Amino acid sequence: MITLPDIKALWRSILLVVVIAIVAVLCVLLANSRADLGKAENDAAVLRNDNTLQGQVIAAQAFNFNRFNQVADNASRLNSLIDVGTDKTVIEYREILRREKTCDLPVPADVAGGLLDYANSLRASAMHTYSGDADAAGDSSSTSSSLTYCQAVLWIKPLLAAIEKANNQLAGIRQIEQDRK
């Protein structure tokens, strides 16, 4: 027959097995949570590092952008001063040339044609080669006109000013490249 001490011993054994099972399950859950915690901490460290690097890249880009704007603004101011000086000089030249008797004499055709060809080649090299709006018929007539000495004199200062403005822009680009190194 089963006695009370036997029942108590059986219950103690069952209770001991249940407690051991609960402890084993808790140990497994603890090990899994520690692994998840380690992975989460590692991911957080990687994200912090990425955020730091991104912040440095953004700061460098903002600095470069600001520097480029300063150089462009400086070149623009210089070019505005050049334009003002050029306009003033052209007005003075017009006043002087108005009194010249030889003002309407044409430049020799070979010289004028060479200048025109050179100007057209410069223009063509600066333009994009997109020909979507090109005149397919090509039947438009081009007028040939002669270049006078007065026109040549009046074009010299604006051409030199354009060269100086381009040089200012190139100097700005060189300065940016030098600052970047």
N, C-alpha and C. Protein backbone atom coordinates (compact mmCIF):
# COMPACT_ATOMS: atom_id res chain seq x y z
N MET A 1 0.79 -1.15 0.00
CA MET A 1 0.00 0.00 0.00
C MET A 1 0.86 1.26 0.00
N ILE A 2 0.31 2.24 -0.47
CA ILE A 2 1.06 3.49 -0.59
C ILE A 2 0.80 4.28 0.68
N THR A 3 1.88 4.65 1.23
CA THR A 3 1.76 5.38 2.47
C THR A 3 1.99 6.87 2.21
N LEU A 4 1.68 7.61 3.20
CA LEU A 4 1.81 9.07 3.10
C LEU A 4 3.26 9.48 2.86
N PRO A 5 4.23 8.86 3.51
CA PRO A 5 5.61 9.24 3.21
C PRO A 5 5.99 8.91 1.78
N ASP A 6 5.39 7.84 1.19
CA ASP A 6 5.68 7.51 -0.20
C ASP A 6 5.11 8.58 -1.15
N ILE A 7 3.91 9.04 -0.82
CA ILE A 7 3.26 10.08 -1.65
C ILE A 7 4.09 11.37 -1.56
N LYS A 8 4.54 11.69 -0.36
CA LYS A 8 5.34 12.91 -0.19
C LYS A 8 6.65 12.79 -0.97
N ALA A 9 7.25 11.62 -0.94
CA ALA A 9 8.50 11.42 -1.66
C ALA A 9 8.26 11.52 -3.16
N LEU A 10 7.12 10.97 -3.63
CA LEU A 10 6.79 11.04 -5.05
C LEU A 10 6.55 12.50 -5.48
N TRP A 11 5.83 13.21 -4.65
CA TRP A 11 5.58 14.62 -4.96
C TRP A 11 6.88 15.43 -4.93
N ARG A 12 7.74 15.09 -4.01
CA ARG A 12 9.03 15.79 -3.96
C ARG A 12 9.83 15.50 -5.23
N SER A 13 9.79 14.28 -5.69
CA SER A 13 10.51 13.91 -6.91
C SER A 13 9.92 14.64 -8.12
N ILE A 14 8.58 14.67 -8.18
CA ILE A 14 7.92 15.38 -9.30
C ILE A 14 8.24 16.87 -9.22
N LEU A 15 8.15 17.40 -8.02
CA LEU A 15 8.45 18.83 -7.83
C LEU A 15 9.91 19.12 -8.18
N LEU A 16 10.81 18.22 -7.82
CA LEU A 16 12.22 18.41 -8.14
C LEU A 16 12.44 18.38 -9.65
N VAL A 17 11.77 17.48 -10.36
CA VAL A 17 11.88 17.40 -11.82
C VAL A 17 11.31 18.67 -12.46
N VAL A 18 10.18 19.14 -11.96
CA VAL A 18 9.56 20.37 -12.50
C VAL A 18 10.48 21.56 -12.25
N VAL A 19 11.04 21.66 -11.05
CA VAL A 19 11.95 22.78 -10.74
C VAL A 19 13.18 22.71 -11.64
N ILE A 20 13.72 21.50 -11.83
CA ILE A 20 14.90 21.34 -12.71
C ILE A 20 14.53 21.72 -14.14
N ALA A 21 13.34 21.34 -14.60
CA ALA A 21 12.90 21.69 -15.96
C ALA A 21 12.73 23.20 -16.10
N ILE A 22 12.14 23.82 -15.07
CA ILE A 22 11.95 25.28 -15.12
C ILE A 22 13.31 25.97 -15.13
N VAL A 23 14.24 25.49 -14.30
CA VAL A 23 15.57 26.09 -14.26
C VAL A 23 16.27 25.90 -15.61
N ALA A 24 16.10 24.73 -16.22
CA ALA A 24 16.72 24.48 -17.53
C ALA A 24 16.14 25.40 -18.59
N VAL A 25 14.80 25.55 -18.59
CA VAL A 25 14.16 26.46 -19.56
C VAL A 25 14.63 27.88 -19.32
N LEU A 26 14.70 28.30 -18.06
CA LEU A 26 15.16 29.65 -17.76
C LEU A 26 16.62 29.84 -18.18
N CYS A 27 17.44 28.82 -18.03
CA CYS A 27 18.84 28.92 -18.47
C CYS A 27 18.93 29.07 -19.98
N VAL A 28 18.11 28.31 -20.70
CA VAL A 28 18.10 28.43 -22.16
C VAL A 28 17.62 29.82 -22.57
N LEU A 29 16.55 30.29 -21.94
CA LEU A 29 16.04 31.64 -22.26
C LEU A 29 17.08 32.71 -21.91
N LEU A 30 17.77 32.55 -20.80
CA LEU A 30 18.81 33.50 -20.41
C LEU A 30 19.95 33.50 -21.43
N ALA A 31 20.36 32.33 -21.87
CA ALA A 31 21.44 32.25 -22.87
C ALA A 31 21.01 32.91 -24.18
N ASN A 32 19.77 32.68 -24.61
CA ASN A 32 19.26 33.31 -25.84
C ASN A 32 19.18 34.82 -25.69
N SER A 33 18.71 35.28 -24.54
CA SER A 33 18.58 36.73 -24.36
C SER A 33 19.96 37.39 -24.29
N ARG A 34 20.95 36.69 -23.69
CA ARG A 34 22.31 37.24 -23.67
C ARG A 34 22.88 37.32 -25.08
N ALA A 35 22.61 36.32 -25.91
CA ALA A 35 23.08 36.34 -27.30
C ALA A 35 22.41 37.47 -28.07
N ASP A 36 21.09 37.64 -27.86
CA ASP A 36 20.37 38.73 -28.52
C ASP A 36 20.88 40.09 -28.04
N LEU A 37 21.17 40.19 -26.74
CA LEU A 37 21.70 41.44 -26.20
C LEU A 37 23.07 41.75 -26.78
N GLY A 38 23.92 40.74 -26.90
CA GLY A 38 25.25 40.94 -27.49
C GLY A 38 25.15 41.39 -28.94
N LYS A 39 24.23 40.76 -29.67
CA LYS A 39 24.03 41.15 -31.08
C LYS A 39 23.49 42.57 -31.17
N ALA A 40 22.54 42.92 -30.31
CA ALA A 40 21.97 44.27 -30.32
C ALA A 40 23.03 45.31 -29.96
N GLU A 41 23.88 44.99 -28.98
CA GLU A 41 24.95 45.93 -28.61
C GLU A 41 25.94 46.10 -29.76
N ASN A 42 26.26 45.02 -30.44
CA ASN A 42 27.17 45.08 -31.59
C ASN A 42 26.55 45.92 -32.71
N ASP A 43 25.26 45.69 -32.99
CA ASP A 43 24.57 46.48 -34.02
C ASP A 43 24.53 47.96 -33.65
N ALA A 44 24.29 48.24 -32.37
CA ALA A 44 24.25 49.64 -31.92
C ALA A 44 25.62 50.29 -32.08
N ALA A 45 26.68 49.56 -31.78
CA ALA A 45 28.04 50.11 -31.94
C ALA A 45 28.34 50.38 -33.41
N VAL A 46 27.93 49.47 -34.29
CA VAL A 46 28.15 49.67 -35.73
C VAL A 46 27.37 50.89 -36.21
N LEU A 47 26.12 51.04 -35.76
CA LEU A 47 25.32 52.19 -36.16
C LEU A 47 25.92 53.50 -35.64
N ARG A 48 26.41 53.49 -34.40
CA ARG A 48 27.05 54.71 -33.88
C ARG A 48 28.28 55.07 -34.71
N ASN A 49 29.06 54.07 -35.08
CA ASN A 49 30.24 54.31 -35.91
C ASN A 49 29.83 54.84 -37.28
N ASP A 50 28.80 54.23 -37.88
CA ASP A 50 28.31 54.71 -39.18
C ASP A 50 27.81 56.15 -39.08
N ASN A 51 27.09 56.46 -38.01
CA ASN A 51 26.58 57.82 -37.83
C ASN A 51 27.72 58.82 -37.68
N THR A 52 28.76 58.43 -36.97
CA THR A 52 29.92 59.31 -36.81
C THR A 52 30.59 59.57 -38.15
N LEU A 53 30.78 58.50 -38.92
CA LEU A 53 31.40 58.66 -40.25
C LEU A 53 30.53 59.49 -41.17
N GLN A 54 29.22 59.25 -41.13
CA GLN A 54 28.31 60.04 -41.96
C GLN A 54 28.36 61.51 -41.57
N GLY A 55 28.42 61.77 -40.29
CA GLY A 55 28.51 63.15 -39.82
C GLY A 55 29.78 63.83 -40.33
N GLN A 56 30.88 63.09 -40.33
CA GLN A 56 32.13 63.65 -40.84
C GLN A 56 32.05 63.93 -42.34
N VAL A 57 31.44 63.01 -43.08
CA VAL A 57 31.30 63.21 -44.53
C VAL A 57 30.40 64.41 -44.81
N ILE A 58 29.29 64.52 -44.09
CA ILE A 58 28.38 65.65 -44.29
C ILE A 58 29.07 66.96 -43.93
N ALA A 59 29.84 66.97 -42.86
CA ALA A 59 30.55 68.19 -42.47
C ALA A 59 31.57 68.58 -43.54
N ALA A 60 32.29 67.60 -44.08
CA ALA A 60 33.27 67.89 -45.13
C ALA A 60 32.58 68.41 -46.38
N GLN A 61 31.45 67.80 -46.74
CA GLN A 61 30.72 68.26 -47.92
C GLN A 61 30.17 69.67 -47.72
N ALA A 62 29.66 69.95 -46.53
CA ALA A 62 29.16 71.29 -46.25
C ALA A 62 30.29 72.31 -46.33
N PHE A 63 31.45 71.96 -45.79
CA PHE A 63 32.60 72.86 -45.86
C PHE A 63 33.00 73.11 -47.31
N ASN A 64 33.10 72.02 -48.10
CA ASN A 64 33.48 72.17 -49.52
C ASN A 64 32.45 72.98 -50.28
N PHE A 65 31.18 72.73 -50.03
CA PHE A 65 30.11 73.47 -50.70
C PHE A 65 30.21 74.95 -50.37
N ASN A 66 30.43 75.26 -49.10
CA ASN A 66 30.58 76.65 -48.68
C ASN A 66 31.80 77.28 -49.32
N ARG A 67 32.89 76.54 -49.38
CA ARG A 67 34.13 77.05 -49.99
C ARG A 67 33.93 77.32 -51.47
N PHE A 68 33.27 76.38 -52.17
CA PHE A 68 33.00 76.56 -53.59
C PHE A 68 32.15 77.80 -53.82
N ASN A 69 31.15 78.01 -52.96
CA ASN A 69 30.30 79.19 -53.10
C ASN A 69 31.09 80.47 -52.87
N GLN A 70 32.01 80.45 -51.91
CA GLN A 70 32.83 81.64 -51.67
C GLN A 70 33.71 81.96 -52.87
N VAL A 71 34.33 80.93 -53.43
CA VAL A 71 35.20 81.15 -54.59
C VAL A 71 34.39 81.63 -55.78
N ALA A 72 33.21 81.03 -56.00
CA ALA A 72 32.36 81.44 -57.12
C ALA A 72 31.87 82.87 -56.92
N ASP A 73 31.52 83.23 -55.68
CA ASP A 73 31.07 84.58 -55.40
C ASP A 73 32.19 85.58 -55.63
N ASN A 74 33.40 85.24 -55.23
CA ASN A 74 34.56 86.11 -55.45
C ASN A 74 34.81 86.30 -56.94
N ALA A 75 34.77 85.21 -57.71
CA ALA A 75 34.97 85.31 -59.16
C ALA A 75 33.85 86.13 -59.80
N SER A 76 32.64 85.97 -59.32
CA SER A 76 31.51 86.73 -59.86
C SER A 76 31.68 88.23 -59.59
N ARG A 77 32.13 88.57 -58.37
CA ARG A 77 32.37 89.99 -58.07
C ARG A 77 33.47 90.57 -58.95
N LEU A 78 34.55 89.82 -59.11
CA LEU A 78 35.64 90.28 -59.98
C LEU A 78 35.14 90.46 -61.41
N ASN A 79 34.34 89.51 -61.88
CA ASN A 79 33.83 89.59 -63.25
C ASN A 79 32.87 90.76 -63.42
N SER A 80 32.10 91.10 -62.39
CA SER A 80 31.22 92.27 -62.46
C SER A 80 32.04 93.55 -62.58
N LEU A 81 33.14 93.62 -61.82
CA LEU A 81 34.01 94.79 -61.92
C LEU A 81 34.64 94.88 -63.31
N ILE A 82 35.00 93.74 -63.86
CA ILE A 82 35.57 93.72 -65.22
C ILE A 82 34.54 94.22 -66.22
N ASP A 83 33.29 93.77 -66.08
CA ASP A 83 32.23 94.20 -67.00
C ASP A 83 32.03 95.72 -66.94
N VAL A 84 32.03 96.26 -65.73
CA VAL A 84 31.84 97.71 -65.58
C VAL A 84 32.99 98.46 -66.25
N GLY A 85 34.22 98.01 -65.99
CA GLY A 85 35.38 98.66 -66.61
C GLY A 85 35.37 98.54 -68.12
N THR A 86 34.94 97.39 -68.62
CA THR A 86 34.89 97.17 -70.07
C THR A 86 33.86 98.08 -70.71
N ASP A 87 32.68 98.16 -70.10
CA ASP A 87 31.64 99.04 -70.65
C ASP A 87 32.10 100.49 -70.69
N LYS A 88 32.77 100.91 -69.63
CA LYS A 88 33.26 102.28 -69.57
C LYS A 88 34.29 102.53 -70.68
N THR A 89 35.20 101.58 -70.87
CA THR A 89 36.23 101.71 -71.90
C THR A 89 35.62 101.73 -73.29
N VAL A 90 34.64 100.87 -73.55
CA VAL A 90 34.00 100.82 -74.87
C VAL A 90 33.31 102.15 -75.17
N ILE A 91 32.68 102.74 -74.17
CA ILE A 91 32.03 104.05 -74.38
C ILE A 91 33.08 105.10 -74.72
N GLU A 92 34.21 105.07 -74.01
CA GLU A 92 35.28 106.02 -74.31
C GLU A 92 35.82 105.81 -75.72
N TYR A 93 36.02 104.55 -76.11
CA TYR A 93 36.52 104.25 -77.45
C TYR A 93 35.54 104.73 -78.52
N ARG A 94 34.25 104.56 -78.29
CA ARG A 94 33.26 105.02 -79.28
C ARG A 94 33.34 106.52 -79.48
N GLU A 95 33.52 107.23 -78.38
CA GLU A 95 33.63 108.68 -78.49
C GLU A 95 34.88 109.06 -79.29
N ILE A 96 35.97 108.37 -79.04
CA ILE A 96 37.20 108.67 -79.78
C ILE A 96 37.05 108.29 -81.24
N LEU A 97 36.50 107.12 -81.52
CA LEU A 97 36.39 106.63 -82.90
C LEU A 97 35.37 107.40 -83.73
N ARG A 98 34.42 108.03 -83.09
CA ARG A 98 33.43 108.79 -83.84
C ARG A 98 34.09 109.93 -84.62
N ARG A 99 35.21 110.42 -84.13
CA ARG A 99 35.90 111.52 -84.80
C ARG A 99 36.94 111.04 -85.80
N GLU A 100 37.19 109.75 -85.88
CA GLU A 100 38.19 109.21 -86.80
C GLU A 100 37.64 109.13 -88.22
N LYS A 101 38.46 109.53 -89.17
CA LYS A 101 38.04 109.49 -90.57
C LYS A 101 38.18 108.09 -91.17
N THR A 102 39.09 107.31 -90.63
CA THR A 102 39.35 105.98 -91.19
C THR A 102 38.52 104.89 -90.51
N CYS A 103 37.55 105.28 -89.74
CA CYS A 103 36.79 104.34 -88.94
C CYS A 103 36.01 103.34 -89.79
N ASP A 104 35.51 103.76 -90.94
CA ASP A 104 34.67 102.90 -91.76
C ASP A 104 35.46 102.08 -92.77
N LEU A 105 36.77 102.15 -92.75
CA LEU A 105 37.56 101.35 -93.68
C LEU A 105 37.47 99.88 -93.28
N PRO A 106 37.30 99.01 -94.26
CA PRO A 106 37.17 97.59 -93.92
C PRO A 106 38.53 96.95 -93.65
N VAL A 107 38.50 95.99 -92.74
CA VAL A 107 39.68 95.15 -92.50
C VAL A 107 39.81 94.24 -93.72
N PRO A 108 41.01 93.94 -94.17
CA PRO A 108 41.15 93.06 -95.34
C PRO A 108 40.33 91.77 -95.16
N ALA A 109 39.74 91.31 -96.26
CA ALA A 109 38.81 90.18 -96.23
C ALA A 109 39.47 88.91 -95.67
N ASP A 110 40.74 88.68 -96.00
CA ASP A 110 41.42 87.48 -95.48
C ASP A 110 41.50 87.51 -93.95
N VAL A 111 41.83 88.68 -93.41
CA VAL A 111 41.95 88.82 -91.96
C VAL A 111 40.58 88.68 -91.30
N ALA A 112 39.58 89.36 -91.86
CA ALA A 112 38.23 89.29 -91.30
C ALA A 112 37.68 87.87 -91.40
N GLY A 113 37.90 87.21 -92.52
CA GLY A 113 37.44 85.83 -92.68
C GLY A 113 38.13 84.88 -91.71
N GLY A 114 39.43 85.08 -91.51
CA GLY A 114 40.16 84.25 -90.55
C GLY A 114 39.64 84.44 -89.14
N LEU A 115 39.37 85.70 -88.77
CA LEU A 115 38.81 85.96 -87.44
C LEU A 115 37.44 85.33 -87.28
N LEU A 116 36.61 85.44 -88.32
CA LEU A 116 35.27 84.85 -88.28
C LEU A 116 35.35 83.33 -88.16
N ASP A 117 36.23 82.72 -88.94
CA ASP A 117 36.38 81.26 -88.87
C ASP A 117 36.86 80.82 -87.48
N TYR A 118 37.81 81.58 -86.94
CA TYR A 118 38.32 81.25 -85.61
C TYR A 118 37.24 81.41 -84.55
N ALA A 119 36.46 82.49 -84.64
CA ALA A 119 35.36 82.71 -83.69
C ALA A 119 34.33 81.59 -83.80
N ASN A 120 34.02 81.18 -85.03
CA ASN A 120 33.05 80.09 -85.21
C ASN A 120 33.58 78.77 -84.66
N SER A 121 34.88 78.52 -84.82
CA SER A 121 35.43 77.27 -84.28
C SER A 121 35.42 77.28 -82.76
N LEU A 122 35.70 78.45 -82.16
CA LEU A 122 35.62 78.55 -80.70
C LEU A 122 34.20 78.33 -80.22
N ARG A 123 33.25 78.93 -80.90
CA ARG A 123 31.84 78.78 -80.54
C ARG A 123 31.41 77.32 -80.68
N ALA A 124 31.83 76.67 -81.77
CA ALA A 124 31.44 75.28 -82.00
C ALA A 124 32.05 74.35 -80.95
N SER A 125 33.28 74.64 -80.52
CA SER A 125 33.90 73.78 -79.52
C SER A 125 33.26 73.97 -78.15
N ALA A 126 32.67 75.12 -77.90
CA ALA A 126 32.04 75.39 -76.61
C ALA A 126 30.60 74.90 -76.56
N MET A 127 29.98 74.69 -77.70
CA MET A 127 28.57 74.29 -77.75
C MET A 127 28.47 72.77 -77.69
N HIS A 128 27.32 72.29 -77.20
CA HIS A 128 27.06 70.85 -77.19
C HIS A 128 26.74 70.41 -78.61
N THR A 129 26.97 69.14 -78.88
CA THR A 129 26.79 68.64 -80.24
C THR A 129 25.39 68.12 -80.49
N TYR A 130 24.42 68.48 -79.66
CA TYR A 130 23.04 68.05 -79.85
C TYR A 130 22.49 68.73 -81.10
N SER A 131 21.97 67.94 -82.02
CA SER A 131 21.48 68.52 -83.27
C SER A 131 20.00 68.25 -83.46
N GLY A 132 19.26 68.13 -82.38
CA GLY A 132 17.83 67.84 -82.47
C GLY A 132 17.04 68.95 -83.14
N ASP A 133 17.46 70.19 -82.98
CA ASP A 133 16.74 71.31 -83.57
C ASP A 133 17.46 71.87 -84.78
N ALA A 134 18.31 71.10 -85.38
CA ALA A 134 19.07 71.58 -86.54
C ALA A 134 18.14 71.77 -87.72
N ASP A 135 18.47 72.74 -88.53
CA ASP A 135 17.70 73.02 -89.74
C ASP A 135 18.05 71.97 -90.78
N ALA A 136 17.11 71.05 -91.02
CA ALA A 136 17.39 69.93 -91.93
C ALA A 136 17.57 70.41 -93.36
N ALA A 137 16.81 71.42 -93.77
CA ALA A 137 16.89 71.88 -95.15
C ALA A 137 18.19 72.62 -95.39
N GLY A 138 18.60 73.39 -94.42
CA GLY A 138 19.85 74.13 -94.55
C GLY A 138 19.81 75.17 -95.65
N ASP A 139 18.64 75.73 -95.92
CA ASP A 139 18.55 76.68 -97.01
C ASP A 139 18.57 78.12 -96.54
N SER A 140 18.93 78.34 -95.27
CA SER A 140 18.98 79.71 -94.80
C SER A 140 20.24 80.37 -95.35
N SER A 141 20.07 81.59 -95.74
CA SER A 141 21.22 82.29 -96.34
C SER A 141 22.01 82.98 -95.24
N SER A 142 23.30 82.97 -95.38
CA SER A 142 24.14 83.67 -94.42
C SER A 142 24.63 84.94 -95.09
N THR A 143 24.52 86.01 -94.34
CA THR A 143 24.96 87.28 -94.88
C THR A 143 26.42 87.46 -94.58
N SER A 144 27.15 87.89 -95.58
CA SER A 144 28.55 88.15 -95.35
C SER A 144 28.71 89.65 -95.24
N SER A 145 29.32 90.06 -94.15
CA SER A 145 29.56 91.49 -93.97
C SER A 145 31.03 91.68 -93.67
N SER A 146 31.48 92.85 -93.94
CA SER A 146 32.90 93.12 -93.71
C SER A 146 33.08 93.70 -92.32
N LEU A 147 34.24 93.51 -91.80
CA LEU A 147 34.60 94.01 -90.50
C LEU A 147 35.36 95.32 -90.69
N THR A 148 34.91 96.36 -90.00
CA THR A 148 35.62 97.63 -90.11
C THR A 148 36.64 97.74 -88.98
N TYR A 149 37.57 98.66 -89.16
CA TYR A 149 38.60 98.85 -88.13
C TYR A 149 37.97 99.31 -86.81
N CYS A 150 36.95 100.12 -86.89
CA CYS A 150 36.29 100.59 -85.66
C CYS A 150 35.62 99.43 -84.93
N GLN A 151 34.97 98.53 -85.69
CA GLN A 151 34.36 97.37 -85.05
C GLN A 151 35.42 96.51 -84.37
N ALA A 152 36.54 96.34 -85.04
CA ALA A 152 37.62 95.54 -84.46
C ALA A 152 38.12 96.16 -83.16
N VAL A 153 38.30 97.48 -83.17
CA VAL A 153 38.78 98.16 -81.97
C VAL A 153 37.76 98.03 -80.84
N LEU A 154 36.46 98.15 -81.18
CA LEU A 154 35.43 98.06 -80.15
C LEU A 154 35.27 96.64 -79.61
N TRP A 155 35.68 95.64 -80.36
CA TRP A 155 35.55 94.25 -79.91
C TRP A 155 36.75 93.78 -79.10
N ILE A 156 37.87 94.48 -79.21
CA ILE A 156 39.08 94.02 -78.53
C ILE A 156 38.90 94.02 -77.01
N LYS A 157 38.43 95.12 -76.45
CA LYS A 157 38.29 95.21 -74.99
C LYS A 157 37.29 94.19 -74.44
N PRO A 158 36.10 94.01 -75.04
CA PRO A 158 35.21 92.97 -74.54
C PRO A 158 35.80 91.56 -74.66
N LEU A 159 36.56 91.31 -75.73
CA LEU A 159 37.19 89.99 -75.86
C LEU A 159 38.24 89.78 -74.77
N LEU A 160 39.04 90.80 -74.52
CA LEU A 160 40.03 90.69 -73.45
C LEU A 160 39.36 90.54 -72.09
N ALA A 161 38.23 91.23 -71.90
CA ALA A 161 37.49 91.09 -70.65
C ALA A 161 36.94 89.68 -70.49
N ALA A 162 36.45 89.11 -71.58
CA ALA A 162 35.94 87.72 -71.52
C ALA A 162 37.07 86.76 -71.16
N ILE A 163 38.25 86.99 -71.71
CA ILE A 163 39.40 86.14 -71.38
C ILE A 163 39.77 86.31 -69.91
N GLU A 164 39.75 87.55 -69.42
CA GLU A 164 40.08 87.79 -68.02
C GLU A 164 39.06 87.14 -67.09
N LYS A 165 37.78 87.21 -67.47
CA LYS A 165 36.74 86.57 -66.65
C LYS A 165 36.92 85.06 -66.64
N ALA A 166 37.23 84.48 -67.78
CA ALA A 166 37.47 83.03 -67.83
C ALA A 166 38.69 82.67 -66.99
N ASN A 167 39.72 83.51 -67.04
CA ASN A 167 40.91 83.27 -66.22
C ASN A 167 40.58 83.34 -64.73
N ASN A 168 39.70 84.28 -64.34
CA ASN A 168 39.28 84.36 -62.94
C ASN A 168 38.55 83.08 -62.52
N GLN A 169 37.70 82.58 -63.38
CA GLN A 169 36.98 81.35 -63.05
C GLN A 169 37.96 80.17 -62.96
N LEU A 170 38.91 80.11 -63.88
CA LEU A 170 39.91 79.04 -63.82
C LEU A 170 40.78 79.16 -62.57
N ALA A 171 41.11 80.39 -62.20
CA ALA A 171 41.90 80.58 -60.97
C ALA A 171 41.11 80.11 -59.76
N GLY A 172 39.81 80.37 -59.75
CA GLY A 172 38.97 79.87 -58.66
C GLY A 172 38.95 78.36 -58.61
N ILE A 173 38.85 77.73 -59.77
CA ILE A 173 38.86 76.26 -59.82
C ILE A 173 40.21 75.73 -59.33
N ARG A 174 41.30 76.36 -59.76
CA ARG A 174 42.63 75.93 -59.30
C ARG A 174 42.76 76.08 -57.78
N GLN A 175 42.21 77.19 -57.26
CA GLN A 175 42.28 77.42 -55.82
C GLN A 175 41.50 76.35 -55.06
N ILE A 176 40.32 75.99 -55.57
CA ILE A 176 39.53 74.94 -54.93
C ILE A 176 40.28 73.62 -54.95
N GLU A 177 40.87 73.30 -56.09
CA GLU A 177 41.62 72.05 -56.21
C GLU A 177 42.82 72.04 -55.26
N GLN A 178 43.49 73.19 -55.13
CA GLN A 178 44.64 73.27 -54.23
C GLN A 178 44.19 73.15 -52.78
N ASP A 179 43.07 73.78 -52.42
CA ASP A 179 42.56 73.69 -51.06
C ASP A 179 42.11 72.27 -50.73
N ARG A 180 41.63 71.56 -51.73
CA ARG A 180 41.14 70.20 -51.51
C ARG A 180 42.29 69.26 -51.17
N LYS A 181 43.49 69.55 -51.71
CA LYS A 181 44.66 68.69 -51.44
C LYS A 181 45.14 69.00 -50.07
